[in-house]
Amino acid sequence: MINVIVVDYQRLVRIGVAGVLKKSNRIEVIAEANNGEEAVELCRSMHPNVVLMDIAMPGIGGLEATRRINRLERGIKVIIVTSLIRDPFPLQALKAGANGYLSKKSAEDELEIAVRKVFVGKRYLSTDVAQLLAFRSMDSDAICPFEKLSNREMQIALMVVNCQKVPAISKQLHLSPKTVNSYRYRIFEKLSVSGDVELTLLAVEHNLIERHVVNAA
């Protein structure tokens, strides 16, 4: 039996994903979480085989949660299931240790296929994500400027543009405020922006923000 945890801040999405997987006689949804912090704690206590993780969530988000789950060194596989399939998210997720990446528009049977494949040690990318990465490699002009950021810088950039303040980011990422600000200024320099407002506008331009998440933060 493949034990799975479903992580998404929208309850209806969690119910839908769990409902799809419950049709399989080899997969069991053992828990659900509505944010990255809760997902990490559940992984520590329940030791799932696979975690289905959204990216855009209040708090630390899916990228940081994926990185923390990988640091647990328990062989837990993470599949990103998100509507954010544009650059820079797929590569950032893979850098964070994700084993698969699925669009929320994927067919129901593809979800089960992805779970089975990553469970046995393979990677899985949905067709639209695989095509994006393939075309990206052939068109350097289309590369998103956020690709310049490291995994940690990307996480902090996402938290900033989702209206989280430095003290909150510091607490959630277990970094000092000084370190968070150092990352912010490094992000500004790499992206040639002057501050949080320009950073947010750039993120909107490149479709990095889901507006309902911004409002929920």
N, C-alpha and C. Protein backbone atom coordinates (compact mmCIF):
# COMPACT_ATOMS: atom_id res chain seq x y z
N MET A 1 0.84 -1.19 0.00
CA MET A 1 0.00 0.00 0.00
C MET A 1 0.88 1.26 0.00
N ILE A 2 0.54 2.21 -0.84
CA ILE A 2 1.26 3.49 -0.92
C ILE A 2 0.51 4.50 -0.07
N ASN A 3 1.14 4.97 1.01
CA ASN A 3 0.51 5.93 1.90
C ASN A 3 0.81 7.36 1.43
N VAL A 4 -0.26 8.16 1.30
CA VAL A 4 -0.15 9.49 0.69
C VAL A 4 -0.72 10.56 1.62
N ILE A 5 -0.06 11.72 1.65
CA ILE A 5 -0.60 12.91 2.30
C ILE A 5 -0.88 13.95 1.22
N VAL A 6 -2.05 14.56 1.29
CA VAL A 6 -2.46 15.58 0.32
C VAL A 6 -2.36 16.95 0.98
N VAL A 7 -1.63 17.87 0.33
CA VAL A 7 -1.39 19.20 0.91
C VAL A 7 -1.87 20.28 -0.06
N ASP A 8 -2.90 21.00 0.35
CA ASP A 8 -3.43 22.12 -0.44
C ASP A 8 -4.25 22.99 0.49
N TYR A 9 -4.12 24.30 0.37
CA TYR A 9 -4.83 25.16 1.31
C TYR A 9 -6.33 25.25 1.00
N GLN A 10 -6.75 24.75 -0.18
CA GLN A 10 -8.17 24.74 -0.53
C GLN A 10 -8.76 23.36 -0.19
N ARG A 11 -9.70 23.35 0.71
CA ARG A 11 -10.27 22.09 1.20
C ARG A 11 -10.93 21.29 0.07
N LEU A 12 -11.61 21.96 -0.83
CA LEU A 12 -12.28 21.25 -1.91
C LEU A 12 -11.28 20.55 -2.83
N VAL A 13 -10.12 21.16 -3.02
CA VAL A 13 -9.09 20.52 -3.83
C VAL A 13 -8.58 19.26 -3.13
N ARG A 14 -8.35 19.36 -1.83
CA ARG A 14 -7.88 18.19 -1.08
C ARG A 14 -8.90 17.06 -1.17
N ILE A 15 -10.16 17.40 -1.01
CA ILE A 15 -11.22 16.38 -1.09
C ILE A 15 -11.24 15.74 -2.46
N GLY A 16 -11.09 16.57 -3.51
CA GLY A 16 -11.10 16.04 -4.87
C GLY A 16 -9.94 15.11 -5.16
N VAL A 17 -8.74 15.52 -4.74
CA VAL A 17 -7.56 14.68 -4.96
C VAL A 17 -7.68 13.38 -4.18
N ALA A 18 -8.09 13.49 -2.92
CA ALA A 18 -8.25 12.28 -2.10
C ALA A 18 -9.29 11.35 -2.70
N GLY A 19 -10.37 11.92 -3.24
CA GLY A 19 -11.41 11.11 -3.86
C GLY A 19 -10.91 10.34 -5.06
N VAL A 20 -10.06 10.99 -5.86
CA VAL A 20 -9.50 10.32 -7.03
C VAL A 20 -8.62 9.15 -6.60
N LEU A 21 -7.78 9.37 -5.61
CA LEU A 21 -6.83 8.33 -5.19
C LEU A 21 -7.50 7.18 -4.46
N LYS A 22 -8.61 7.44 -3.81
CA LYS A 22 -9.31 6.39 -3.08
C LYS A 22 -9.90 5.33 -4.01
N LYS A 23 -9.95 5.63 -5.31
CA LYS A 23 -10.44 4.65 -6.28
C LYS A 23 -9.42 3.55 -6.52
N SER A 24 -8.17 3.81 -6.14
CA SER A 24 -7.11 2.81 -6.33
C SER A 24 -7.05 1.88 -5.13
N ASN A 25 -6.84 0.61 -5.39
CA ASN A 25 -6.72 -0.35 -4.28
C ASN A 25 -5.29 -0.47 -3.76
N ARG A 26 -4.38 0.36 -4.31
CA ARG A 26 -2.99 0.32 -3.86
C ARG A 26 -2.55 1.63 -3.20
N ILE A 27 -3.43 2.61 -3.16
CA ILE A 27 -3.07 3.92 -2.62
C ILE A 27 -4.05 4.30 -1.51
N GLU A 28 -3.50 4.76 -0.40
CA GLU A 28 -4.34 5.19 0.72
C GLU A 28 -3.95 6.60 1.15
N VAL A 29 -4.93 7.50 1.19
CA VAL A 29 -4.69 8.85 1.69
C VAL A 29 -4.80 8.79 3.22
N ILE A 30 -3.68 9.00 3.89
CA ILE A 30 -3.65 8.83 5.35
C ILE A 30 -3.82 10.14 6.10
N ALA A 31 -3.66 11.29 5.38
CA ALA A 31 -3.82 12.58 6.06
C ALA A 31 -3.90 13.69 5.02
N GLU A 32 -4.41 14.83 5.47
CA GLU A 32 -4.47 16.03 4.65
C GLU A 32 -3.89 17.20 5.44
N ALA A 33 -3.31 18.17 4.72
CA ALA A 33 -2.77 19.36 5.36
C ALA A 33 -3.14 20.57 4.52
N ASN A 34 -3.30 21.72 5.19
CA ASN A 34 -3.67 22.92 4.43
C ASN A 34 -2.54 23.93 4.31
N ASN A 35 -1.33 23.55 4.76
CA ASN A 35 -0.18 24.44 4.57
C ASN A 35 1.11 23.63 4.69
N GLY A 36 2.21 24.26 4.32
CA GLY A 36 3.49 23.57 4.32
C GLY A 36 3.98 23.17 5.68
N GLU A 37 3.76 24.03 6.67
CA GLU A 37 4.21 23.73 8.02
C GLU A 37 3.55 22.45 8.55
N GLU A 38 2.24 22.37 8.34
CA GLU A 38 1.50 21.19 8.80
C GLU A 38 1.95 19.95 8.05
N ALA A 39 2.26 20.11 6.76
CA ALA A 39 2.72 18.96 5.97
C ALA A 39 4.02 18.39 6.52
N VAL A 40 4.95 19.27 6.88
CA VAL A 40 6.23 18.81 7.42
C VAL A 40 6.03 18.06 8.73
N GLU A 41 5.17 18.58 9.60
CA GLU A 41 4.91 17.92 10.88
C GLU A 41 4.26 16.56 10.68
N LEU A 42 3.33 16.47 9.72
CA LEU A 42 2.68 15.18 9.44
C LEU A 42 3.69 14.17 8.89
N CYS A 43 4.63 14.64 8.09
CA CYS A 43 5.66 13.74 7.56
C CYS A 43 6.54 13.21 8.68
N ARG A 44 6.82 14.05 9.66
CA ARG A 44 7.63 13.60 10.80
C ARG A 44 6.91 12.52 11.61
N SER A 45 5.59 12.68 11.76
CA SER A 45 4.86 11.78 12.65
C SER A 45 4.25 10.56 11.95
N MET A 46 3.94 10.69 10.64
CA MET A 46 3.19 9.63 9.97
C MET A 46 4.00 8.87 8.93
N HIS A 47 5.16 9.40 8.53
CA HIS A 47 6.06 8.71 7.58
C HIS A 47 5.34 8.24 6.31
N PRO A 48 4.74 9.14 5.54
CA PRO A 48 4.08 8.72 4.29
C PRO A 48 5.10 8.30 3.25
N ASN A 49 4.63 7.63 2.22
CA ASN A 49 5.48 7.30 1.09
C ASN A 49 5.56 8.46 0.09
N VAL A 50 4.41 9.11 -0.12
CA VAL A 50 4.32 10.17 -1.12
C VAL A 50 3.52 11.33 -0.56
N VAL A 51 3.96 12.55 -0.87
CA VAL A 51 3.22 13.76 -0.52
C VAL A 51 2.84 14.48 -1.80
N LEU A 52 1.57 14.81 -1.94
CA LEU A 52 1.09 15.62 -3.06
C LEU A 52 0.99 17.05 -2.55
N MET A 53 1.80 17.95 -3.11
CA MET A 53 2.03 19.27 -2.53
C MET A 53 1.71 20.40 -3.51
N ASP A 54 0.85 21.32 -3.08
CA ASP A 54 0.67 22.54 -3.86
C ASP A 54 1.84 23.47 -3.58
N ILE A 55 2.06 24.46 -4.44
CA ILE A 55 3.12 25.44 -4.21
C ILE A 55 2.57 26.67 -3.51
N ALA A 56 1.49 27.22 -4.06
CA ALA A 56 0.99 28.52 -3.59
C ALA A 56 0.09 28.35 -2.38
N MET A 57 0.68 28.51 -1.20
CA MET A 57 -0.06 28.41 0.06
C MET A 57 0.44 29.48 1.01
N PRO A 58 -0.41 29.97 1.89
CA PRO A 58 0.08 30.89 2.93
C PRO A 58 1.14 30.22 3.79
N GLY A 59 2.01 31.02 4.40
CA GLY A 59 3.06 30.43 5.22
C GLY A 59 4.30 30.15 4.41
N ILE A 60 4.97 29.05 4.70
CA ILE A 60 6.25 28.76 4.04
C ILE A 60 6.06 28.32 2.60
N GLY A 61 4.86 27.87 2.23
CA GLY A 61 4.63 27.46 0.85
C GLY A 61 5.19 26.09 0.52
N GLY A 62 4.90 25.64 -0.70
CA GLY A 62 5.25 24.29 -1.09
C GLY A 62 6.72 24.05 -1.36
N LEU A 63 7.43 25.06 -1.85
CA LEU A 63 8.86 24.88 -2.15
C LEU A 63 9.66 24.63 -0.88
N GLU A 64 9.45 25.49 0.12
CA GLU A 64 10.17 25.33 1.39
C GLU A 64 9.76 24.05 2.09
N ALA A 65 8.47 23.72 2.05
CA ALA A 65 8.00 22.48 2.67
C ALA A 65 8.64 21.27 2.00
N THR A 66 8.77 21.30 0.69
CA THR A 66 9.42 20.20 -0.04
C THR A 66 10.87 20.05 0.40
N ARG A 67 11.57 21.17 0.51
CA ARG A 67 12.97 21.12 0.94
C ARG A 67 13.09 20.54 2.35
N ARG A 68 12.21 20.95 3.25
CA ARG A 68 12.27 20.44 4.63
C ARG A 68 11.94 18.95 4.70
N ILE A 69 10.99 18.51 3.90
CA ILE A 69 10.63 17.09 3.89
C ILE A 69 11.81 16.25 3.39
N ASN A 70 12.51 16.76 2.39
CA ASN A 70 13.68 16.04 1.88
C ASN A 70 14.78 15.96 2.93
N ARG A 71 14.89 16.96 3.78
CA ARG A 71 15.91 16.95 4.82
C ARG A 71 15.61 15.94 5.91
N LEU A 72 14.38 15.45 5.98
CA LEU A 72 14.04 14.45 6.98
C LEU A 72 14.74 13.13 6.70
N GLU A 73 15.19 12.92 5.46
CA GLU A 73 15.94 11.72 5.06
C GLU A 73 15.17 10.44 5.38
N ARG A 74 13.91 10.44 5.04
CA ARG A 74 13.09 9.24 5.27
C ARG A 74 12.57 8.64 3.97
N GLY A 75 13.12 9.10 2.86
CA GLY A 75 12.72 8.55 1.57
C GLY A 75 11.34 8.95 1.12
N ILE A 76 10.81 10.03 1.68
CA ILE A 76 9.47 10.49 1.30
C ILE A 76 9.55 11.19 -0.06
N LYS A 77 8.68 10.80 -0.97
CA LYS A 77 8.65 11.39 -2.30
C LYS A 77 7.62 12.52 -2.33
N VAL A 78 7.95 13.60 -3.03
CA VAL A 78 7.05 14.74 -3.14
C VAL A 78 6.70 14.98 -4.60
N ILE A 79 5.41 15.06 -4.86
CA ILE A 79 4.91 15.44 -6.18
C ILE A 79 4.21 16.79 -6.04
N ILE A 80 4.65 17.76 -6.81
CA ILE A 80 3.98 19.06 -6.82
C ILE A 80 2.73 18.94 -7.70
N VAL A 81 1.60 19.37 -7.15
CA VAL A 81 0.33 19.40 -7.90
C VAL A 81 -0.19 20.83 -7.82
N THR A 82 -0.10 21.57 -8.92
CA THR A 82 -0.34 23.00 -8.85
C THR A 82 -0.87 23.54 -10.18
N SER A 83 -1.44 24.74 -10.12
CA SER A 83 -1.82 25.44 -11.35
C SER A 83 -0.66 26.30 -11.87
N LEU A 84 0.41 26.40 -11.09
CA LEU A 84 1.58 27.20 -11.46
C LEU A 84 2.58 26.34 -12.23
N ILE A 85 2.41 26.29 -13.54
CA ILE A 85 3.30 25.43 -14.34
C ILE A 85 4.29 26.25 -15.17
N ARG A 86 4.24 27.56 -15.07
CA ARG A 86 5.17 28.40 -15.82
C ARG A 86 6.52 28.46 -15.11
N ASP A 87 7.56 28.90 -15.88
CA ASP A 87 8.83 29.21 -15.24
C ASP A 87 8.59 30.27 -14.17
N PRO A 88 9.31 30.20 -13.06
CA PRO A 88 10.44 29.30 -12.77
C PRO A 88 10.06 28.13 -11.88
N PHE A 89 8.76 27.88 -11.70
CA PHE A 89 8.34 26.94 -10.67
C PHE A 89 8.77 25.49 -10.88
N PRO A 90 8.62 24.89 -12.08
CA PRO A 90 9.03 23.49 -12.21
C PRO A 90 10.49 23.25 -11.83
N LEU A 91 11.40 24.08 -12.36
CA LEU A 91 12.81 23.88 -12.04
C LEU A 91 13.11 24.16 -10.57
N GLN A 92 12.47 25.18 -10.01
CA GLN A 92 12.68 25.47 -8.59
C GLN A 92 12.22 24.31 -7.73
N ALA A 93 11.09 23.70 -8.10
CA ALA A 93 10.58 22.57 -7.33
C ALA A 93 11.52 21.37 -7.43
N LEU A 94 12.04 21.12 -8.62
CA LEU A 94 12.98 20.01 -8.78
C LEU A 94 14.26 20.26 -7.99
N LYS A 95 14.71 21.51 -7.97
CA LYS A 95 15.89 21.86 -7.16
C LYS A 95 15.63 21.64 -5.67
N ALA A 96 14.39 21.88 -5.26
CA ALA A 96 14.03 21.71 -3.85
C ALA A 96 13.91 20.24 -3.47
N GLY A 97 13.90 19.35 -4.47
CA GLY A 97 13.84 17.92 -4.18
C GLY A 97 12.56 17.23 -4.58
N ALA A 98 11.68 17.93 -5.34
CA ALA A 98 10.45 17.29 -5.79
C ALA A 98 10.77 16.16 -6.77
N ASN A 99 9.98 15.10 -6.69
CA ASN A 99 10.17 13.94 -7.58
C ASN A 99 9.22 13.96 -8.77
N GLY A 100 8.23 14.84 -8.72
CA GLY A 100 7.27 14.94 -9.81
C GLY A 100 6.61 16.30 -9.83
N TYR A 101 6.00 16.62 -10.96
CA TYR A 101 5.35 17.92 -11.11
C TYR A 101 4.13 17.74 -12.01
N LEU A 102 2.96 18.02 -11.45
CA LEU A 102 1.71 17.84 -12.18
C LEU A 102 0.92 19.13 -12.22
N SER A 103 0.29 19.38 -13.35
CA SER A 103 -0.67 20.47 -13.44
C SER A 103 -1.99 20.01 -12.83
N LYS A 104 -2.71 20.95 -12.20
CA LYS A 104 -4.03 20.61 -11.66
C LYS A 104 -5.04 20.30 -12.77
N LYS A 105 -4.65 20.57 -14.01
CA LYS A 105 -5.51 20.24 -15.15
C LYS A 105 -5.26 18.82 -15.65
N SER A 106 -4.34 18.11 -15.03
CA SER A 106 -4.03 16.74 -15.46
C SER A 106 -5.24 15.82 -15.30
N ALA A 107 -5.28 14.78 -16.11
CA ALA A 107 -6.36 13.81 -16.03
C ALA A 107 -6.27 13.02 -14.73
N GLU A 108 -7.38 12.49 -14.27
CA GLU A 108 -7.42 11.76 -13.01
C GLU A 108 -6.46 10.57 -13.00
N ASP A 109 -6.43 9.82 -14.10
CA ASP A 109 -5.58 8.63 -14.12
C ASP A 109 -4.10 8.99 -14.08
N GLU A 110 -3.76 10.20 -14.54
CA GLU A 110 -2.36 10.62 -14.52
C GLU A 110 -1.87 10.81 -13.09
N LEU A 111 -2.76 11.23 -12.21
CA LEU A 111 -2.39 11.41 -10.81
C LEU A 111 -1.96 10.08 -10.20
N GLU A 112 -2.73 9.04 -10.44
CA GLU A 112 -2.37 7.73 -9.91
C GLU A 112 -1.08 7.21 -10.53
N ILE A 113 -0.91 7.43 -11.83
CA ILE A 113 0.32 7.00 -12.50
C ILE A 113 1.53 7.68 -11.89
N ALA A 114 1.40 8.99 -11.63
CA ALA A 114 2.51 9.74 -11.06
C ALA A 114 2.88 9.21 -9.68
N VAL A 115 1.89 8.93 -8.85
CA VAL A 115 2.13 8.41 -7.50
C VAL A 115 2.86 7.07 -7.58
N ARG A 116 2.39 6.19 -8.44
CA ARG A 116 3.01 4.86 -8.56
C ARG A 116 4.46 4.96 -9.04
N LYS A 117 4.72 5.87 -9.99
CA LYS A 117 6.07 5.97 -10.55
C LYS A 117 7.06 6.55 -9.55
N VAL A 118 6.68 7.62 -8.87
CA VAL A 118 7.64 8.19 -7.92
C VAL A 118 7.84 7.27 -6.73
N PHE A 119 6.85 6.49 -6.40
CA PHE A 119 6.96 5.54 -5.29
C PHE A 119 8.08 4.53 -5.54
N VAL A 120 8.28 4.14 -6.81
CA VAL A 120 9.33 3.16 -7.14
C VAL A 120 10.64 3.84 -7.54
N GLY A 121 10.73 5.17 -7.31
CA GLY A 121 12.00 5.85 -7.53
C GLY A 121 12.17 6.59 -8.83
N LYS A 122 11.11 6.68 -9.62
CA LYS A 122 11.19 7.40 -10.88
C LYS A 122 10.69 8.84 -10.70
N ARG A 123 11.00 9.68 -11.69
CA ARG A 123 10.45 11.03 -11.71
C ARG A 123 9.24 11.07 -12.65
N TYR A 124 8.37 12.04 -12.41
CA TYR A 124 7.21 12.16 -13.30
C TYR A 124 6.86 13.63 -13.52
N LEU A 125 6.78 14.02 -14.81
CA LEU A 125 6.35 15.35 -15.20
C LEU A 125 5.13 15.21 -16.09
N SER A 126 4.09 16.00 -15.80
CA SER A 126 2.92 15.96 -16.69
C SER A 126 3.33 16.50 -18.05
N THR A 127 2.57 16.17 -19.07
CA THR A 127 2.94 16.51 -20.45
C THR A 127 3.16 17.99 -20.64
N ASP A 128 2.26 18.83 -20.10
CA ASP A 128 2.40 20.27 -20.31
C ASP A 128 3.66 20.81 -19.65
N VAL A 129 4.02 20.27 -18.49
CA VAL A 129 5.24 20.71 -17.80
C VAL A 129 6.48 20.25 -18.57
N ALA A 130 6.46 19.01 -19.05
CA ALA A 130 7.59 18.49 -19.82
C ALA A 130 7.80 19.31 -21.10
N GLN A 131 6.70 19.69 -21.76
CA GLN A 131 6.81 20.50 -22.97
C GLN A 131 7.38 21.88 -22.66
N LEU A 132 6.93 22.46 -21.56
CA LEU A 132 7.44 23.77 -21.15
C LEU A 132 8.96 23.72 -20.96
N LEU A 133 9.43 22.71 -20.26
CA LEU A 133 10.87 22.60 -20.00
C LEU A 133 11.65 22.35 -21.29
N ALA A 134 11.05 21.58 -22.21
CA ALA A 134 11.72 21.28 -23.47
C ALA A 134 11.85 22.54 -24.33
N PHE A 135 10.76 23.30 -24.46
CA PHE A 135 10.80 24.53 -25.26
C PHE A 135 11.68 25.58 -24.61
N ARG A 136 11.69 25.58 -23.28
CA ARG A 136 12.50 26.55 -22.54
C ARG A 136 13.97 26.38 -22.88
N SER A 137 14.41 25.13 -23.02
CA SER A 137 15.82 24.87 -23.31
C SER A 137 16.22 25.33 -24.71
N MET A 138 15.23 25.52 -25.59
CA MET A 138 15.52 25.93 -26.96
C MET A 138 15.35 27.43 -27.18
N ASP A 139 14.79 28.14 -26.19
CA ASP A 139 14.51 29.56 -26.36
C ASP A 139 15.01 30.32 -25.13
N SER A 140 16.27 30.73 -25.18
CA SER A 140 16.87 31.40 -24.03
C SER A 140 16.21 32.74 -23.73
N ASP A 141 15.61 33.39 -24.73
CA ASP A 141 14.96 34.67 -24.52
C ASP A 141 13.69 34.55 -23.69
N ALA A 142 13.14 33.33 -23.61
CA ALA A 142 11.88 33.13 -22.90
C ALA A 142 12.09 32.78 -21.42
N ILE A 143 13.34 32.71 -21.00
CA ILE A 143 13.62 32.32 -19.62
C ILE A 143 13.16 33.41 -18.66
N CYS A 144 12.44 33.02 -17.65
CA CYS A 144 11.92 33.94 -16.65
C CYS A 144 13.07 34.51 -15.82
N PRO A 145 13.07 35.82 -15.54
CA PRO A 145 14.18 36.39 -14.75
C PRO A 145 14.31 35.79 -13.36
N PHE A 146 13.22 35.24 -12.83
CA PHE A 146 13.27 34.64 -11.50
C PHE A 146 14.11 33.36 -11.48
N GLU A 147 14.47 32.86 -12.66
CA GLU A 147 15.36 31.70 -12.73
C GLU A 147 16.75 32.03 -12.20
N LYS A 148 17.06 33.33 -12.11
CA LYS A 148 18.37 33.74 -11.60
C LYS A 148 18.49 33.48 -10.10
N LEU A 149 17.37 33.28 -9.43
CA LEU A 149 17.37 33.17 -7.98
C LEU A 149 17.69 31.75 -7.53
N SER A 150 18.36 31.66 -6.40
CA SER A 150 18.56 30.36 -5.76
C SER A 150 17.24 29.89 -5.18
N ASN A 151 17.19 28.64 -4.74
CA ASN A 151 15.97 28.10 -4.15
C ASN A 151 15.52 28.92 -2.94
N ARG A 152 16.46 29.27 -2.06
CA ARG A 152 16.13 30.06 -0.88
C ARG A 152 15.67 31.46 -1.26
N GLU A 153 16.37 32.08 -2.21
CA GLU A 153 15.97 33.41 -2.66
C GLU A 153 14.58 33.40 -3.27
N MET A 154 14.28 32.35 -4.02
CA MET A 154 12.96 32.24 -4.63
C MET A 154 11.88 32.14 -3.56
N GLN A 155 12.14 31.34 -2.52
CA GLN A 155 11.17 31.19 -1.44
C GLN A 155 10.89 32.53 -0.77
N ILE A 156 11.94 33.27 -0.48
CA ILE A 156 11.76 34.56 0.19
C ILE A 156 11.08 35.56 -0.74
N ALA A 157 11.42 35.53 -2.01
CA ALA A 157 10.75 36.42 -2.98
C ALA A 157 9.25 36.14 -3.02
N LEU A 158 8.87 34.88 -3.02
CA LEU A 158 7.45 34.52 -3.04
C LEU A 158 6.75 35.01 -1.78
N MET A 159 7.40 34.88 -0.65
CA MET A 159 6.80 35.31 0.61
C MET A 159 6.65 36.84 0.63
N VAL A 160 7.62 37.54 0.09
CA VAL A 160 7.55 39.00 0.04
C VAL A 160 6.40 39.45 -0.84
N VAL A 161 6.30 38.88 -2.05
CA VAL A 161 5.25 39.34 -2.97
C VAL A 161 3.87 38.88 -2.52
N ASN A 162 3.82 37.93 -1.60
CA ASN A 162 2.53 37.53 -1.03
C ASN A 162 2.27 38.26 0.29
N CYS A 163 2.90 39.44 0.41
CA CYS A 163 2.60 40.40 1.49
C CYS A 163 3.05 39.96 2.87
N GLN A 164 4.02 39.07 2.97
CA GLN A 164 4.54 38.69 4.28
C GLN A 164 5.70 39.62 4.65
N LYS A 165 5.68 40.07 5.89
CA LYS A 165 6.69 41.01 6.37
C LYS A 165 7.94 40.26 6.85
N VAL A 166 9.04 41.00 6.98
CA VAL A 166 10.32 40.41 7.36
C VAL A 166 10.23 39.63 8.67
N PRO A 167 9.60 40.15 9.74
CA PRO A 167 9.54 39.37 10.99
C PRO A 167 8.83 38.03 10.82
N ALA A 168 7.76 38.02 10.02
CA ALA A 168 7.02 36.76 9.79
C ALA A 168 7.87 35.78 8.99
N ILE A 169 8.55 36.28 7.96
CA ILE A 169 9.42 35.43 7.15
C ILE A 169 10.54 34.87 8.01
N SER A 170 11.11 35.73 8.84
CA SER A 170 12.19 35.32 9.73
C SER A 170 11.75 34.17 10.63
N LYS A 171 10.58 34.29 11.22
CA LYS A 171 10.07 33.28 12.13
C LYS A 171 9.79 31.96 11.42
N GLN A 172 9.15 32.05 10.26
CA GLN A 172 8.74 30.84 9.56
C GLN A 172 9.91 30.08 8.95
N LEU A 173 10.94 30.80 8.52
CA LEU A 173 12.11 30.15 7.88
C LEU A 173 13.26 29.93 8.86
N HIS A 174 13.05 30.32 10.12
CA HIS A 174 14.08 30.15 11.15
C HIS A 174 15.38 30.85 10.76
N LEU A 175 15.23 32.08 10.27
CA LEU A 175 16.36 32.92 9.92
C LEU A 175 16.25 34.23 10.71
N SER A 176 17.37 34.88 10.94
CA SER A 176 17.33 36.18 11.60
C SER A 176 16.76 37.22 10.64
N PRO A 177 16.13 38.28 11.16
CA PRO A 177 15.65 39.36 10.28
C PRO A 177 16.77 39.93 9.41
N LYS A 178 17.97 40.04 9.98
CA LYS A 178 19.11 40.55 9.21
C LYS A 178 19.41 39.67 8.01
N THR A 179 19.35 38.35 8.22
CA THR A 179 19.59 37.42 7.11
C THR A 179 18.50 37.53 6.05
N VAL A 180 17.25 37.64 6.48
CA VAL A 180 16.14 37.79 5.53
C VAL A 180 16.34 39.05 4.69
N ASN A 181 16.71 40.16 5.34
CA ASN A 181 16.94 41.40 4.60
C ASN A 181 18.12 41.28 3.64
N SER A 182 19.13 40.54 4.03
CA SER A 182 20.27 40.31 3.13
C SER A 182 19.81 39.59 1.87
N TYR A 183 18.95 38.58 2.07
CA TYR A 183 18.39 37.88 0.91
C TYR A 183 17.55 38.82 0.06
N ARG A 184 16.74 39.67 0.69
CA ARG A 184 15.89 40.61 -0.05
C ARG A 184 16.74 41.50 -0.95
N TYR A 185 17.79 42.06 -0.41
CA TYR A 185 18.62 42.97 -1.19
C TYR A 185 19.34 42.23 -2.32
N ARG A 186 19.71 40.99 -2.05
CA ARG A 186 20.33 40.18 -3.10
C ARG A 186 19.34 39.90 -4.23
N ILE A 187 18.09 39.64 -3.86
CA ILE A 187 17.03 39.43 -4.84
C ILE A 187 16.82 40.68 -5.68
N PHE A 188 16.74 41.84 -5.02
CA PHE A 188 16.56 43.10 -5.73
C PHE A 188 17.68 43.31 -6.75
N GLU A 189 18.91 43.01 -6.33
CA GLU A 189 20.06 43.21 -7.21
C GLU A 189 20.00 42.27 -8.41
N LYS A 190 19.69 41.01 -8.16
CA LYS A 190 19.66 40.04 -9.26
C LYS A 190 18.56 40.34 -10.27
N LEU A 191 17.43 40.88 -9.78
CA LEU A 191 16.29 41.13 -10.66
C LEU A 191 16.21 42.59 -11.12
N SER A 192 17.16 43.39 -10.70
CA SER A 192 17.22 44.81 -11.09
C SER A 192 15.93 45.55 -10.72
N VAL A 193 15.49 45.36 -9.49
CA VAL A 193 14.34 46.09 -8.96
C VAL A 193 14.80 46.87 -7.73
N SER A 194 14.01 47.90 -7.37
CA SER A 194 14.44 48.78 -6.30
C SER A 194 13.82 48.47 -4.95
N GLY A 195 12.80 47.58 -4.93
CA GLY A 195 12.15 47.29 -3.66
C GLY A 195 11.01 46.31 -3.81
N ASP A 196 10.25 46.16 -2.73
CA ASP A 196 9.18 45.17 -2.70
C ASP A 196 8.10 45.43 -3.74
N VAL A 197 7.77 46.71 -3.97
CA VAL A 197 6.70 47.03 -4.93
C VAL A 197 7.10 46.61 -6.33
N GLU A 198 8.31 46.97 -6.75
CA GLU A 198 8.77 46.58 -8.09
C GLU A 198 8.91 45.07 -8.20
N LEU A 199 9.33 44.43 -7.12
CA LEU A 199 9.42 42.98 -7.12
C LEU A 199 8.05 42.35 -7.34
N THR A 200 7.05 42.89 -6.67
CA THR A 200 5.69 42.37 -6.81
C THR A 200 5.16 42.59 -8.23
N LEU A 201 5.42 43.76 -8.80
CA LEU A 201 4.98 44.03 -10.17
C LEU A 201 5.64 43.07 -11.16
N LEU A 202 6.92 42.79 -10.93
CA LEU A 202 7.62 41.84 -11.80
C LEU A 202 7.02 40.45 -11.65
N ALA A 203 6.68 40.07 -10.43
CA ALA A 203 6.06 38.76 -10.19
C ALA A 203 4.70 38.66 -10.88
N VAL A 204 3.93 39.74 -10.83
CA VAL A 204 2.63 39.76 -11.52
C VAL A 204 2.84 39.64 -13.02
N GLU A 205 3.83 40.35 -13.54
CA GLU A 205 4.11 40.32 -14.98
C GLU A 205 4.43 38.91 -15.46
N HIS A 206 5.09 38.14 -14.61
CA HIS A 206 5.49 36.78 -15.00
C HIS A 206 4.58 35.71 -14.40
N ASN A 207 3.39 36.12 -13.97
CA ASN A 207 2.35 35.19 -13.50
C ASN A 207 2.81 34.31 -12.35
N LEU A 208 3.58 34.88 -11.44
CA LEU A 208 4.06 34.10 -10.30
C LEU A 208 3.10 34.15 -9.11
N ILE A 209 2.10 34.99 -9.20
CA ILE A 209 1.22 35.18 -8.05
C ILE A 209 -0.19 34.75 -8.40
N GLU A 210 -0.77 33.90 -7.54
CA GLU A 210 -2.19 33.61 -7.63
C GLU A 210 -2.89 34.61 -6.71
N ARG A 211 -3.73 35.42 -7.25
CA ARG A 211 -4.29 36.56 -6.51
C ARG A 211 -5.05 36.13 -5.26
N HIS A 212 -5.74 34.96 -5.31
CA HIS A 212 -6.47 34.53 -4.13
C HIS A 212 -5.53 34.18 -2.98
N VAL A 213 -4.30 33.74 -3.32
CA VAL A 213 -3.33 33.45 -2.28
C VAL A 213 -2.83 34.73 -1.65
N VAL A 214 -2.59 35.75 -2.49
CA VAL A 214 -2.15 37.04 -1.98
C VAL A 214 -3.17 37.59 -1.00
N ASN A 215 -4.43 37.47 -1.35
CA ASN A 215 -5.48 37.98 -0.48
C ASN A 215 -5.59 37.20 0.81
N ALA A 216 -5.20 35.90 0.77
CA ALA A 216 -5.33 35.06 1.97
C ALA A 216 -4.18 35.24 2.93
N ALA A 217 -3.05 35.78 2.43
CA ALA A 217 -1.85 35.89 3.26
C ALA A 217 -2.03 36.92 4.36
